[in-house]
Protein backbone atom coordinates (compact mmCIF):
# COMPACT_ATOMS: atom_id res chain seq x y z
CA MET A 1 -0.15 -0.18 0.31
CA ASN A 2 1.19 3.41 -0.71
CA PRO A 3 2.37 5.07 2.57
CA ALA A 4 1.12 8.29 3.96
CA PRO A 5 3.41 11.41 3.20
CA TYR A 6 5.76 11.53 6.18
CA PRO A 7 5.35 14.32 9.01
CA LYS A 8 7.91 17.34 8.19
CA VAL A 9 9.34 19.98 10.59
CA GLY A 10 8.27 23.30 10.81
CA ILE A 11 10.45 25.93 11.43
CA ARG A 12 9.12 29.45 12.87
CA PRO A 13 12.03 32.09 12.31
CA ALA A 14 10.35 34.77 14.62
CA ILE A 15 11.54 38.84 14.63
CA ASP A 16 11.14 42.17 16.32
CA GLY A 17 8.15 43.28 14.53
CA ARG A 18 9.19 46.77 15.40
CA LEU A 19 9.05 48.06 11.67
CA GLY A 20 10.94 51.40 11.18
CA GLY A 21 14.42 49.97 11.22
CA VAL A 22 14.11 47.19 13.99
CA ARG A 23 12.57 44.58 11.87
CA GLU A 24 14.05 45.53 8.54
CA SER A 25 17.36 44.91 9.81
CA LEU A 26 16.77 41.43 11.37
CA GLU A 27 14.58 39.67 8.21
CA GLU A 28 17.90 38.25 6.31
CA ARG A 29 19.70 37.08 9.38
CA THR A 30 16.71 35.47 10.95
CA MET A 31 15.51 33.65 7.57
CA GLN A 32 19.05 32.57 7.45
CA GLN A 33 19.11 31.27 11.21
CA ALA A 34 16.05 29.00 9.68
CA ARG A 35 17.58 28.08 6.55
CA ALA A 36 20.57 26.77 8.24
CA VAL A 37 18.52 24.59 10.78
CA ALA A 38 16.48 22.78 7.51
CA GLU A 39 20.06 22.34 5.84
CA LEU A 40 21.23 20.92 9.40
CA ILE A 41 18.01 18.56 9.47
CA ALA A 42 18.17 17.31 5.92
CA ARG A 43 21.96 16.40 6.02
CA GLU A 44 22.14 14.61 9.12
CA LEU A 45 18.57 13.22 9.64
CA ARG A 46 16.30 10.57 8.17
CA TYR A 47 13.28 9.19 7.99
CA PRO A 48 12.32 5.07 8.34
CA ASP A 49 12.59 5.15 4.51
CA GLY A 50 16.03 6.52 4.58
CA SER A 51 14.96 9.85 3.06
CA PRO A 52 16.10 13.18 4.26
CA VAL A 53 13.90 14.66 6.84
CA GLU A 54 12.15 17.69 5.21
CA SER A 55 11.61 21.04 6.56
CA VAL A 56 8.54 23.35 6.20
CA ILE A 57 10.21 27.30 7.02
CA SER A 58 7.16 30.28 7.39
CA ASP A 59 6.44 32.39 4.23
CA SER A 60 7.53 35.21 6.13
CA CYS A 61 9.24 35.74 9.62
CA ILE A 62 6.89 35.61 12.85
CA GLY A 63 6.84 39.22 14.39
CA GLY A 64 2.91 39.22 15.52
CA VAL A 65 -0.14 37.01 15.87
CA LYS A 66 -1.01 37.53 12.05
CA GLU A 67 1.92 35.89 10.78
CA ALA A 68 1.97 33.29 13.95
CA ALA A 69 -1.60 31.97 12.69
CA ALA A 70 -0.28 32.30 8.95
CA CYS A 71 2.19 30.00 9.86
CA ALA A 72 0.00 27.72 11.71
CA ASP A 73 -2.16 27.25 8.88
CA LYS A 74 0.70 26.28 6.54
CA PHE A 75 1.88 23.87 9.18
CA ARG A 76 -1.45 22.28 9.03
CA ARG A 77 -1.39 22.57 5.10
CA GLU A 78 2.18 20.80 4.89
CA ASN A 79 1.65 17.77 7.53
CA VAL A 80 4.21 19.54 9.97
CA GLY A 81 4.62 17.00 12.96
CA VAL A 82 7.51 18.82 15.13
CA SER A 83 7.81 23.17 15.47
CA LEU A 84 10.79 24.80 16.11
CA THR A 85 10.95 27.91 16.67
CA VAL A 86 14.45 29.97 15.81
CA THR A 87 15.24 33.83 16.75
CA PRO A 88 18.55 35.75 16.90
CA CYS A 89 17.01 39.22 18.61
CA TRP A 90 14.00 40.05 20.89
CA CYS A 91 10.27 39.22 20.08
CA TYR A 92 6.89 39.72 21.48
CA GLY A 93 6.63 36.48 23.22
CA SER A 94 3.25 35.01 23.27
CA GLU A 95 2.41 36.67 20.19
CA THR A 96 4.76 35.12 18.29
CA MET A 97 5.01 31.20 20.34
CA ASP A 98 3.33 28.28 18.85
CA MET A 99 -0.27 27.17 20.25
CA ASP A 100 -0.77 23.91 19.00
CA PRO A 101 -1.19 21.71 22.17
CA HIS A 102 -0.14 18.72 20.52
CA LEU A 103 3.30 19.39 18.16
CA PRO A 104 6.22 18.97 20.15
CA LYS A 105 8.19 22.50 20.35
CA ALA A 106 11.07 23.68 21.00
CA VAL A 107 13.11 27.54 20.87
CA TRP A 108 16.33 28.09 19.70
CA GLY A 109 17.64 31.88 21.21
CA PHE A 110 20.22 32.99 19.65
CA ASN A 111 23.40 33.43 22.11
CA GLY A 112 24.92 36.73 21.22
CA THR A 113 25.16 40.29 22.83
CA GLU A 114 24.00 42.55 19.81
CA ARG A 115 20.73 41.28 20.30
CA PRO A 116 18.91 39.99 23.20
CA GLY A 117 17.83 36.49 21.57
CA ALA A 118 18.27 34.92 25.04
CA VAL A 119 16.10 37.39 26.58
CA TYR A 120 12.96 36.25 24.12
CA LEU A 121 14.09 32.66 24.62
CA ALA A 122 13.20 33.19 28.62
CA ALA A 123 10.01 35.24 27.74
CA VAL A 124 8.53 32.56 25.49
CA LEU A 125 9.26 29.79 27.61
CA ALA A 126 7.79 31.40 30.38
CA GLY A 127 4.99 32.26 28.10
CA HIS A 128 4.60 28.41 27.46
CA ALA A 129 4.78 27.43 30.70
CA GLN A 130 2.24 29.93 32.13
CA LYS A 131 0.00 28.53 29.04
CA GLY A 132 0.56 25.11 29.87
CA LEU A 133 2.32 24.28 26.61
CA PRO A 134 5.60 22.74 27.82
CA ALA A 135 8.58 23.55 25.23
CA PHE A 136 12.10 22.50 25.31
CA GLY A 137 14.90 25.73 25.29
CA ILE A 138 17.93 25.82 23.46
CA TYR A 139 20.45 28.10 24.25
CA GLY A 140 24.19 27.90 23.50
CA GLN A 141 26.55 28.06 26.17
CA ASP A 142 29.20 30.32 24.31
CA VAL A 143 28.69 34.25 22.93
CA GLN A 144 28.55 34.15 19.32
CA ALA A 145 28.73 37.20 17.18
CA ALA A 146 25.47 38.67 15.43
CA THR A 147 27.16 37.87 11.91
CA ASP A 148 28.40 34.27 13.05
CA THR A 149 26.08 31.76 11.07
CA GLU A 150 28.07 28.66 12.40
CA ILE A 151 25.60 26.21 14.74
CA PRO A 152 27.37 25.50 17.73
CA ASP A 153 28.09 21.73 18.72
CA ASP A 154 25.98 21.68 22.01
CA VAL A 155 23.01 23.57 20.09
CA ARG A 156 23.45 21.34 17.04
CA GLY A 157 23.11 18.23 19.45
CA LYS A 158 20.19 19.92 21.23
CA LEU A 159 18.29 20.61 17.53
CA LEU A 160 19.14 16.89 16.23
CA ASP A 161 18.15 15.23 19.76
CA PHE A 162 14.49 17.48 19.99
CA ILE A 163 14.01 16.91 16.61
CA ARG A 164 14.60 12.86 16.23
CA CYS A 165 12.24 12.49 19.19
CA GLY A 166 9.35 14.71 17.70
CA LEU A 167 9.47 12.98 14.75
CA ALA A 168 8.93 9.73 16.66
CA VAL A 169 5.94 11.36 18.54
CA ALA A 170 4.50 12.66 15.13
CA LEU A 171 5.34 9.07 13.66
CA MET A 172 2.98 7.75 15.87
CA ARG A 173 0.16 9.95 15.72
CA GLY A 174 -2.93 8.31 14.00
CA LYS A 175 -1.20 4.65 13.20
CA SER A 176 -2.21 1.44 15.00
CA TYR A 177 -0.92 -1.19 17.10
CA LEU A 178 -2.38 -4.65 15.87
CA SER A 179 -3.24 -7.13 18.65
CA MET A 180 -2.70 -10.37 16.95
CA GLY A 181 -4.76 -12.76 19.60
CA GLY A 182 -4.77 -12.12 23.00
CA THR A 183 -3.69 -12.40 26.29
CA SER A 184 -0.45 -14.76 26.13
CA MET A 185 -0.40 -17.18 29.02
CA GLY A 186 -1.40 -13.93 31.55
CA ILE A 187 1.24 -12.04 31.21
CA ALA A 188 0.12 -8.53 31.90
CA GLY A 189 1.93 -7.04 29.41
CA SER A 190 -0.05 -8.94 26.79
CA VAL A 191 -3.48 -7.05 28.29
CA VAL A 192 -3.85 -4.38 25.77
CA ASP A 193 -4.65 -1.42 27.36
CA PRO A 194 -6.29 0.90 24.36
CA ALA A 195 -6.76 4.01 26.83
CA MET A 196 -2.58 3.94 26.79
CA TRP A 197 -2.06 3.73 23.21
CA GLU A 198 -4.84 6.24 22.50
CA LYS A 199 -4.14 9.35 25.10
CA TRP A 200 -0.07 9.04 25.47
CA LEU A 201 0.67 7.97 22.00
CA GLY A 202 -2.20 9.29 19.83
CA MET A 203 -2.69 5.66 18.44
CA ARG A 204 -5.24 3.39 17.92
CA VAL A 205 -5.54 -0.65 19.39
CA GLU A 206 -6.89 -2.73 16.32
CA ALA A 207 -7.44 -6.59 17.01
CA VAL A 208 -7.46 -9.62 14.96
CA ASP A 209 -8.01 -13.13 16.02
CA MET A 210 -5.28 -15.64 15.19
CA SER A 211 -7.97 -17.66 13.62
CA GLU A 212 -6.87 -14.96 10.58
CA PHE A 213 -4.05 -16.80 10.35
CA ALA A 214 -5.31 -20.21 9.89
CA GLY A 215 -7.72 -19.28 7.42
CA ARG A 216 -5.74 -17.27 5.14
CA MET A 217 -3.09 -20.24 5.60
CA ARG A 218 -5.40 -22.86 4.53
CA LYS A 219 -7.14 -20.50 1.77
CA GLY A 220 -4.06 -19.40 0.04
CA TRP A 221 -4.65 -16.17 1.05
CA TYR A 222 -1.23 -14.28 0.45
CA ASP A 223 0.84 -13.73 -2.43
CA GLN A 224 1.94 -17.15 -4.22
CA GLU A 225 4.66 -16.25 -6.09
CA GLU A 226 6.25 -14.16 -3.12
CA TYR A 227 5.74 -17.20 -1.15
CA ALA A 228 7.73 -19.31 -3.26
CA LYS A 229 10.53 -16.97 -3.14
CA ALA A 230 10.55 -16.57 0.32
CA LEU A 231 10.62 -20.48 0.84
CA ALA A 232 13.75 -20.46 -1.47
CA TRP A 233 15.34 -18.06 0.49
CA VAL A 234 14.76 -19.57 3.57
CA LYS A 235 16.14 -23.07 2.32
CA ALA A 236 19.40 -20.97 1.08
CA ASN A 237 20.14 -18.92 4.10
CA CYS A 238 18.59 -20.30 7.33
CA PRO A 239 20.52 -23.30 8.32
CA GLU A 240 19.01 -25.56 10.54
CA GLY A 241 20.81 -26.98 13.66
CA LYS A 242 21.09 -29.72 16.39
CA ASP A 243 17.84 -30.91 17.57
CA TYR A 244 17.34 -30.86 21.04
CA ASN A 245 14.28 -32.86 21.57
CA SER A 246 14.38 -36.60 23.01
CA PRO A 247 14.11 -39.55 20.83
CA GLU A 248 10.44 -39.48 21.81
CA THR A 249 9.76 -36.01 20.50
CA THR A 250 11.69 -35.68 17.91
CA ARG A 251 9.56 -34.84 14.75
CA SER A 252 9.65 -36.19 11.80
CA ARG A 253 11.83 -34.54 8.54
CA GLU A 254 8.58 -34.17 6.83
CA GLN A 255 6.91 -32.60 9.46
CA ILE A 256 9.87 -29.87 9.87
CA ASP A 257 9.53 -29.37 6.39
CA SER A 258 5.85 -28.58 6.39
CA GLU A 259 7.08 -26.47 9.81
CA TRP A 260 8.69 -24.49 7.51
CA GLU A 261 6.15 -23.85 5.32
CA ASP A 262 3.78 -22.73 7.32
CA SER A 263 6.11 -20.26 9.09
CA VAL A 264 6.98 -18.51 5.71
CA LYS A 265 3.60 -18.18 5.26
CA MET A 266 2.49 -17.08 9.04
CA ALA A 267 5.65 -14.12 8.08
CA LEU A 268 3.59 -12.89 5.20
CA ILE A 269 0.40 -13.11 6.84
CA ALA A 270 1.42 -11.02 9.79
CA ARG A 271 2.91 -8.37 7.56
CA ASP A 272 -0.07 -8.04 5.07
CA LEU A 273 -2.50 -7.65 8.31
CA MET A 274 0.14 -5.08 9.73
CA ALA A 275 0.53 -2.78 6.42
CA GLY A 276 -1.72 -4.16 3.57
CA ASN A 277 -0.64 -5.71 0.10
CA PRO A 278 -2.10 -4.32 -3.13
CA LYS A 279 -1.29 -8.27 -4.88
CA LEU A 280 -4.30 -9.47 -2.37
CA ALA A 281 -6.70 -6.65 -3.89
CA ALA A 282 -5.54 -8.64 -7.26
CA MET A 283 -6.53 -11.70 -6.04
CA GLY A 284 -10.03 -10.20 -5.14
CA LEU A 285 -9.36 -9.29 -1.93
CA GLY A 286 -9.83 -5.81 -1.31
CA GLU A 287 -10.58 -5.30 2.49
CA GLN A 288 -7.59 -7.57 3.16
CA ALA A 289 -5.63 -5.87 0.76
CA GLN A 290 -5.80 -2.44 3.17
CA GLY A 291 -4.45 -4.03 6.38
CA HIS A 292 -4.39 -2.30 9.46
CA ASN A 293 -2.51 0.60 9.42
CA ALA A 294 -0.13 -0.49 12.01
CA ILE A 295 3.24 0.58 12.85
CA ALA A 296 3.38 -2.11 15.77
CA ALA A 297 2.07 -5.37 16.32
CA GLY A 298 1.94 -8.23 18.83
CA PHE A 299 1.24 -11.90 18.32
CA GLN A 300 -0.28 -14.14 21.33
CA GLY A 301 0.98 -17.37 19.74
CA GLN A 302 1.24 -19.32 23.43
CA ARG A 303 -0.84 -21.05 24.33
CA GLN A 304 -3.96 -21.27 22.31
CA TRP A 305 -1.89 -21.04 18.96
CA THR A 306 1.24 -22.90 19.62
CA ASP A 307 -0.40 -26.30 20.71
CA HIS A 308 -1.96 -27.00 17.52
CA PHE A 309 0.19 -24.90 15.12
CA PRO A 310 3.68 -23.60 14.48
CA ASN A 311 5.01 -20.92 16.93
CA GLY A 312 5.71 -17.50 15.81
CA ASP A 313 9.49 -17.52 16.30
CA PHE A 314 10.34 -17.48 12.37
CA MET A 315 7.82 -14.56 11.77
CA GLU A 316 8.57 -12.69 14.31
CA ALA A 317 12.46 -12.64 14.10
CA ILE A 318 12.53 -12.28 10.42
CA LEU A 319 9.82 -9.06 10.71
CA ASN A 320 11.84 -8.01 13.44
CA SER A 321 15.04 -7.91 11.40
CA SER A 322 16.57 -5.49 8.69
CA PHE A 323 16.34 -7.70 5.69
CA ASP A 324 14.45 -10.46 4.39
CA TRP A 325 14.27 -12.44 1.01
CA ASN A 326 13.04 -9.05 -0.56
CA GLY A 327 16.86 -7.28 0.28
CA LYS A 328 16.75 -4.48 3.19
CA ARG A 329 13.90 -3.04 4.46
CA ALA A 330 13.24 -1.02 7.62
CA PRO A 331 12.24 -3.64 10.42
CA TYR A 332 8.24 -4.41 11.15
CA ILE A 333 7.81 -4.11 14.91
CA LEU A 334 6.40 -7.23 16.12
CA ALA A 335 6.43 -8.05 19.66
CA THR A 336 6.09 -11.65 21.42
CA GLU A 337 3.49 -12.79 22.77
CA ASN A 338 1.61 -9.91 22.13
CA ASP A 339 3.29 -8.17 24.81
CA ALA A 340 1.91 -4.70 23.81
CA LEU A 341 4.29 -2.86 26.48
CA ASN A 342 7.53 -4.30 25.14
CA GLY A 343 5.81 -3.67 21.83
CA ALA A 344 5.62 0.18 22.80
CA GLY A 345 9.25 0.10 23.61
CA MET A 346 10.16 -1.54 20.64
CA LEU A 347 8.52 1.65 18.38
CA PHE A 348 9.93 3.91 20.60
CA GLY A 349 13.68 2.31 19.98
CA SER A 350 12.98 2.02 16.21
CA LEU A 351 11.62 5.39 15.44
CA LEU A 352 14.31 7.05 17.60
CA THR A 353 17.45 4.67 15.74
CA HIS A 354 16.01 3.42 12.37
CA THR A 355 17.11 0.35 13.32
CA ALA A 356 16.22 -3.04 14.56
CA GLN A 357 15.20 -3.80 18.28
CA ILE A 358 15.83 -7.14 20.55
CA PHE A 359 12.91 -8.15 22.46
CA ALA A 360 14.01 -10.52 24.97
CA ASP A 361 13.05 -11.94 28.82
CA LEU A 362 15.32 -10.58 31.35
CA ARG A 363 15.83 -14.24 32.51
CA THR A 364 18.72 -13.91 35.22
CA TYR A 365 21.57 -11.84 36.84
CA TRP A 366 24.78 -13.83 36.88
CA SER A 367 27.32 -12.73 40.05
CA GLY A 368 30.92 -13.45 39.40
CA ALA A 369 30.39 -16.24 42.19
CA ALA A 370 27.97 -17.81 40.43
CA ILE A 371 29.32 -17.97 37.19
CA GLU A 372 32.70 -19.82 38.71
CA ARG A 373 30.13 -22.11 40.73
CA ALA A 374 28.39 -23.09 37.48
CA SER A 375 31.17 -23.40 34.98
CA GLY A 376 34.22 -23.94 37.22
CA LYS A 377 36.36 -21.24 35.60
CA SER A 378 36.87 -17.55 36.94
CA PHE A 379 35.54 -14.81 35.10
CA SER A 380 36.70 -10.65 34.87
CA HIS A 381 35.80 -8.37 32.46
CA PRO A 382 36.66 -4.66 32.74
CA LEU A 383 33.02 -3.82 31.84
CA VAL A 384 31.69 -6.20 34.53
CA ALA A 385 31.62 -5.29 38.09
CA ASP A 386 28.94 -7.42 40.18
CA GLY A 387 27.83 -9.47 37.50
CA ILE A 388 25.84 -9.57 34.32
CA LEU A 389 22.08 -9.94 33.29
CA HIS A 390 20.81 -12.76 30.92
CA LEU A 391 18.68 -11.84 28.28
CA ILE A 392 17.15 -14.46 26.19
CA ASN A 393 13.72 -14.77 24.58
CA SER A 394 11.71 -17.42 24.72
CA GLY A 395 11.04 -17.07 20.79
CA PRO A 396 12.95 -14.39 18.37
CA ALA A 397 14.75 -11.74 18.26
CA ALA A 398 16.07 -9.68 15.40
CA LEU A 399 18.45 -11.41 13.53
CA ASP A 400 20.83 -8.03 13.34
CA GLY A 401 21.03 -8.68 17.40
CA THR A 402 23.49 -11.21 16.62
CA GLY A 403 25.99 -7.88 16.42
CA GLN A 404 27.46 -9.08 13.32
CA GLN A 405 27.18 -5.31 11.97
CA GLU A 406 29.84 -2.74 12.67
CA VAL A 407 30.62 0.84 13.16
CA ASP A 408 34.10 1.69 13.08
CA GLY A 409 34.94 -2.12 13.89
CA VAL A 410 32.37 -2.02 16.98
CA PRO A 411 29.77 -4.14 16.83
CA ALA A 412 26.82 -2.67 16.35
CA MET A 413 22.89 -2.75 14.75
CA LYS A 414 22.52 0.00 11.77
CA PRO A 415 19.89 1.54 10.15
CA PHE A 416 19.05 -0.86 7.04
CA TRP A 417 20.70 2.03 4.41
CA ASP A 418 23.93 1.27 6.18
CA ILE A 419 24.05 -2.23 6.50
CA SER A 420 26.31 -3.91 3.58
CA GLU A 421 25.50 -7.23 1.48
CA ALA A 422 28.44 -9.12 3.92
CA GLU A 423 27.00 -7.83 6.92
CA VAL A 424 23.58 -9.17 6.12
CA GLU A 425 24.95 -12.50 5.16
CA LYS A 426 27.12 -12.54 8.85
CA CYS A 427 23.92 -12.40 10.44
CA LEU A 428 22.40 -15.10 8.56
CA LYS A 429 25.40 -17.14 9.23
CA ALA A 430 25.51 -16.31 13.06
CA THR A 431 21.93 -17.73 13.19
CA THR A 432 21.27 -21.15 13.47
CA TRP A 433 17.39 -22.46 13.46
CA HIS A 434 16.30 -25.55 15.66
CA PRO A 435 13.03 -27.65 15.64
CA SER A 436 11.51 -25.88 18.80
CA ILE A 437 11.10 -27.83 22.00
CA THR A 438 7.80 -29.94 21.70
CA GLU A 439 6.81 -30.05 25.49
CA TYR A 440 6.95 -25.97 24.82
CA PHE A 441 5.55 -25.71 21.45
CA PRO A 442 3.39 -29.07 20.49
CA GLY A 443 2.39 -27.46 17.24
CA GLY A 444 5.82 -27.26 16.01
CA GLY A 445 7.94 -24.38 14.81
CA LEU A 446 11.30 -23.44 14.35
CA SER A 447 13.57 -21.42 17.02
CA THR A 448 16.35 -18.92 16.37
CA ARG A 449 19.87 -19.39 18.17
CA PHE A 450 22.69 -16.70 18.43
CA ARG A 451 24.79 -14.94 20.74
CA THR A 452 25.01 -11.06 20.72
CA ARG A 453 28.71 -10.14 20.01
CA GLY A 454 30.47 -8.41 23.00
CA GLY A 455 30.93 -4.76 23.53
CA MET A 456 28.18 -3.29 21.71
CA PRO A 457 27.08 -0.51 23.21
CA ALA A 458 23.42 -0.98 23.88
CA THR A 459 20.61 0.28 26.08
CA MET A 460 18.03 -1.73 27.69
CA ILE A 461 14.55 -0.23 28.18
CA ARG A 462 10.89 -0.97 29.73
CA LEU A 463 7.98 0.35 29.24
CA ASN A 464 5.62 -0.39 32.32
CA LEU A 465 1.69 0.20 33.05
CA VAL A 466 0.93 1.20 37.01
CA ASP A 467 -2.81 1.46 38.15
CA GLY A 468 -2.93 5.63 38.96
CA LEU A 469 -0.31 6.34 37.77
CA GLY A 470 -0.34 5.16 34.24
CA PRO A 471 3.02 4.49 31.65
CA ALA A 472 6.12 4.62 33.19
CA LEU A 473 9.90 4.17 31.79
CA GLN A 474 12.98 1.78 33.13
CA ILE A 475 16.13 2.84 31.21
CA ALA A 476 19.73 0.76 31.69
CA GLU A 477 22.93 2.07 29.45
CA GLY A 478 25.58 -0.87 29.43
CA HIS A 479 27.63 -2.78 27.25
CA THR A 480 27.02 -6.56 25.31
CA ILE A 481 29.20 -8.48 26.70
CA ASP A 482 31.46 -11.71 25.41
CA LEU A 483 31.80 -14.70 27.93
CA PRO A 484 34.41 -17.63 26.58
CA GLU A 485 33.01 -20.30 25.17
CA ASP A 486 33.00 -22.90 27.95
CA VAL A 487 31.68 -19.84 30.17
CA HIS A 488 28.91 -19.15 28.03
CA ASP A 489 27.99 -22.99 27.19
CA ALA A 490 27.80 -23.78 30.90
CA LEU A 491 25.50 -20.94 31.28
CA ASP A 492 23.23 -20.91 28.12
CA GLN A 493 22.50 -24.61 28.38
CA ARG A 494 20.87 -24.34 31.86
CA THR A 495 18.02 -23.05 29.90
CA ASN A 496 16.48 -23.93 26.46
CA PRO A 497 19.59 -23.89 24.44
CA THR A 498 17.41 -22.80 21.25
CA TRP A 499 16.94 -19.54 21.99
CA PRO A 500 18.73 -16.27 21.18
CA THR A 501 21.56 -14.98 24.15
CA THR A 502 22.64 -11.49 24.67
CA TRP A 503 24.86 -10.95 28.03
CA PHE A 504 24.48 -7.39 29.02
CA ALA A 505 26.06 -5.55 31.97
CA PRO A 506 24.77 -1.79 32.76
CA ILE A 507 26.91 1.19 33.60
CA LEU A 508 26.88 1.32 37.15
CA THR A 509 26.31 4.94 39.33
CA GLY A 510 26.77 3.53 42.60
CA LYS A 511 23.13 4.81 43.44
CA GLY A 512 19.90 3.76 43.84
CA ALA A 513 18.87 1.33 41.25
CA PHE A 514 22.41 1.37 39.47
CA ARG A 515 24.63 0.47 43.08
CA SER A 516 24.85 -2.99 41.23
CA ALA A 517 23.55 -5.01 38.65
CA TYR A 518 21.79 -7.56 40.65
CA GLU A 519 19.73 -4.28 42.05
CA VAL A 520 18.99 -3.59 37.98
CA MET A 521 17.59 -7.27 37.45
CA ASN A 522 16.03 -6.63 40.87
CA HIS A 523 14.00 -3.25 39.96
CA TRP A 524 13.36 -4.37 36.71
CA GLY A 525 9.50 -3.96 35.98
CA ALA A 526 8.47 -7.13 34.41
CA ASN A 527 9.88 -10.23 33.04
CA HIS A 528 10.49 -8.58 29.16
CA CYS A 529 12.82 -5.80 27.96
CA VAL A 530 14.03 -4.30 24.73
CA MET A 531 17.45 -3.32 23.95
CA SER A 532 18.50 -1.21 21.63
CA HIS A 533 22.06 -0.05 19.82
CA GLY A 534 23.95 2.69 21.25
CA HIS A 535 23.89 5.00 24.57
CA ILE A 536 20.52 6.29 23.69
CA GLY A 537 19.32 6.56 26.69
CA HIS A 538 18.67 10.32 26.83
CA LEU A 539 16.85 10.22 23.92
CA TYR A 540 14.22 7.87 25.27
CA ILE A 541 14.46 10.37 28.42
CA THR A 542 13.39 13.08 25.77
CA LEU A 543 10.87 11.48 24.02
CA ALA A 544 9.14 10.21 27.33
CA ALA A 545 9.19 14.25 28.26
CA MET A 546 7.22 14.85 25.13
CA LEU A 547 4.78 12.17 25.80
CA ARG A 548 4.54 12.75 29.29
CA ILE A 549 5.69 9.48 30.70
CA PRO A 550 7.80 9.45 33.83
CA VAL A 551 11.10 7.92 33.62
CA TYR A 552 11.67 6.56 37.30
CA MET A 553 14.76 4.28 36.91
CA HIS A 554 17.85 5.49 34.56
CA ASN A 555 22.03 5.28 34.41
CA VAL A 556 21.98 8.74 31.83
CA SER A 557 23.68 11.84 33.38
CA GLU A 558 22.32 15.01 34.36
CA GLU A 559 24.00 16.93 31.73
CA ARG A 560 22.52 14.35 28.95
CA VAL A 561 19.31 14.93 30.25
CA PHE A 562 17.02 17.51 28.02
CA ARG A 563 13.34 17.94 28.98
CA PRO A 564 11.21 20.96 28.41
CA ALA A 565 12.13 23.91 30.78
CA ALA A 566 8.82 24.06 32.82
CA TRP A 567 9.94 20.41 33.93
CA ARG A 568 12.30 22.97 36.09
CA ALA A 569 9.42 24.62 37.92
CA PHE A 570 8.40 21.81 39.48
CA GLY A 571 11.98 20.74 41.27
CA THR A 572 15.99 21.15 40.09
CA ALA A 573 17.34 18.84 42.88
CA ASP A 574 15.19 15.91 42.72
CA LEU A 575 15.11 15.59 39.20
CA GLU A 576 12.96 11.92 38.86
CA GLY A 577 10.60 13.45 41.38
CA ALA A 578 10.45 16.67 39.46
CA ASP A 579 9.65 14.88 36.11
CA PHE A 580 6.61 12.95 37.78
CA ARG A 581 5.25 15.46 39.01
CA ALA A 582 5.35 17.51 35.70
CA CYS A 583 3.75 14.42 33.69
CA ALA A 584 0.87 14.32 36.32
CA ASN A 585 0.12 18.54 35.88
CA TYR A 586 -0.07 17.85 32.47
CA GLY A 587 -1.19 14.93 31.61
CA PRO A 588 -0.94 12.22 28.86
CA LEU A 589 -0.21 14.53 25.39
CA TYR A 590 -3.84 13.66 23.86
CA GLY A 591 -5.57 12.83 27.47
CA ARG A 592 -7.27 16.12 27.56
CA ALA A 593 -7.67 17.20 24.20
């Protein structure tokens, strides 16, 4: 289906409105500042398909309310999803400000002494706070000359971080989460709460029964040509590994082959349910061709499906990856066990980085002493203090999670347009596919197995839903860890050996939940987590503030935290408490519309 146009960044050049010499002297300089930001955005930022982010600049500088209104009209016509006001000078605060309650907004006031851009910044941020329209303030640390057109590094960083997060907000709005099935094994995260998606994320929840898969598989309601192509690709690129079933529970070769076929069909059907497929319209299936406009989805699987049909492991692993039989492409976000809260976390990470996300169980904390008892070997690592966390998925994880992609020689997960064909091949070769354990999955299926390469900077998050509070976010930056082969095997073989493993060491601060890796595990709010590439905790914090979701556990240093200016009014000594008070005061982004 043809995607809707992506939201754009709206740039508002604000100016001192006094004609007769003042405004005239500032017109070109103000517009130049707006153009410089637009050029920065186009050069540095991308949409999920890899195309440059587009900006819309107001037709004129904004010196008063009439020009502000004209700019707002243009932004509505041009599908603007993020608002950025820039100025080198004093302007009339409440007359020039952006009043749209749903657009993430920031103001960059130029730090120069010739004209008081910083004074306007303070005045307009006060207006935003007084009117209940939180805005981010951007102000360079060093004074610049009025003629200096360079964007300082500190300003550049805040501009790009704000826009990354603002676009994530805009890209979610109006989309769907598709619940394929219902609650899996009583897991609270898969009790999908429409109010959370609607009020905090601006999305809707769509739902289909898993019988839709069975029906489409039986009737052949998928692209038969693509199915043949996909199955051939799987046979050539998805090597089978050891069958860990007992002789009594081992399934026949014929049965395994049938499970492969059904697994490929399930992947095609899940994608079609999410995004639609014009090939279905050509088959006379016009309604099915539309899909559900889903930017994220979840598959219940256990147990009502997996007792009778192949599990969703292949479907979830390949859709969450950055490549398949059609080549490299943006990942589809598909949560195991229909854990919609983890699905939301995966969606956040994907929109912020345009990379694949690892869905995992936060299975075990391993202390150094426990590792030595289990393996017979002492273990030390420069990035590990008291122990490590075992991230393992009772299902799939994106194949990007093998860590076979690299940035400057360091293991990474990259946007699909930066991944080489050689890296795709490495990810595939690092993954084996094993007949699922029959006791777990009587209906069969193939499970992924890989081990994430150590040394990757990574961020682990979890979105939790708390009665009376709403959604709240946890963040832990750290690194993936390599264990010696024999130590890894001793630990990994203690649980299901057909699942992918990531060893993770959080960065410890010596305070609160980050006194130790044990305390990180002890403070985690659910059985699942999401892992993203890079130390991007600061982006999650900014995004959460835009959505009015408090963050109650993180190890991001204070100087990297970037929230709306109004948050300071709720406290400066206890930033975590101030975040909770601000989010409670303003309420969910779309909840009071």
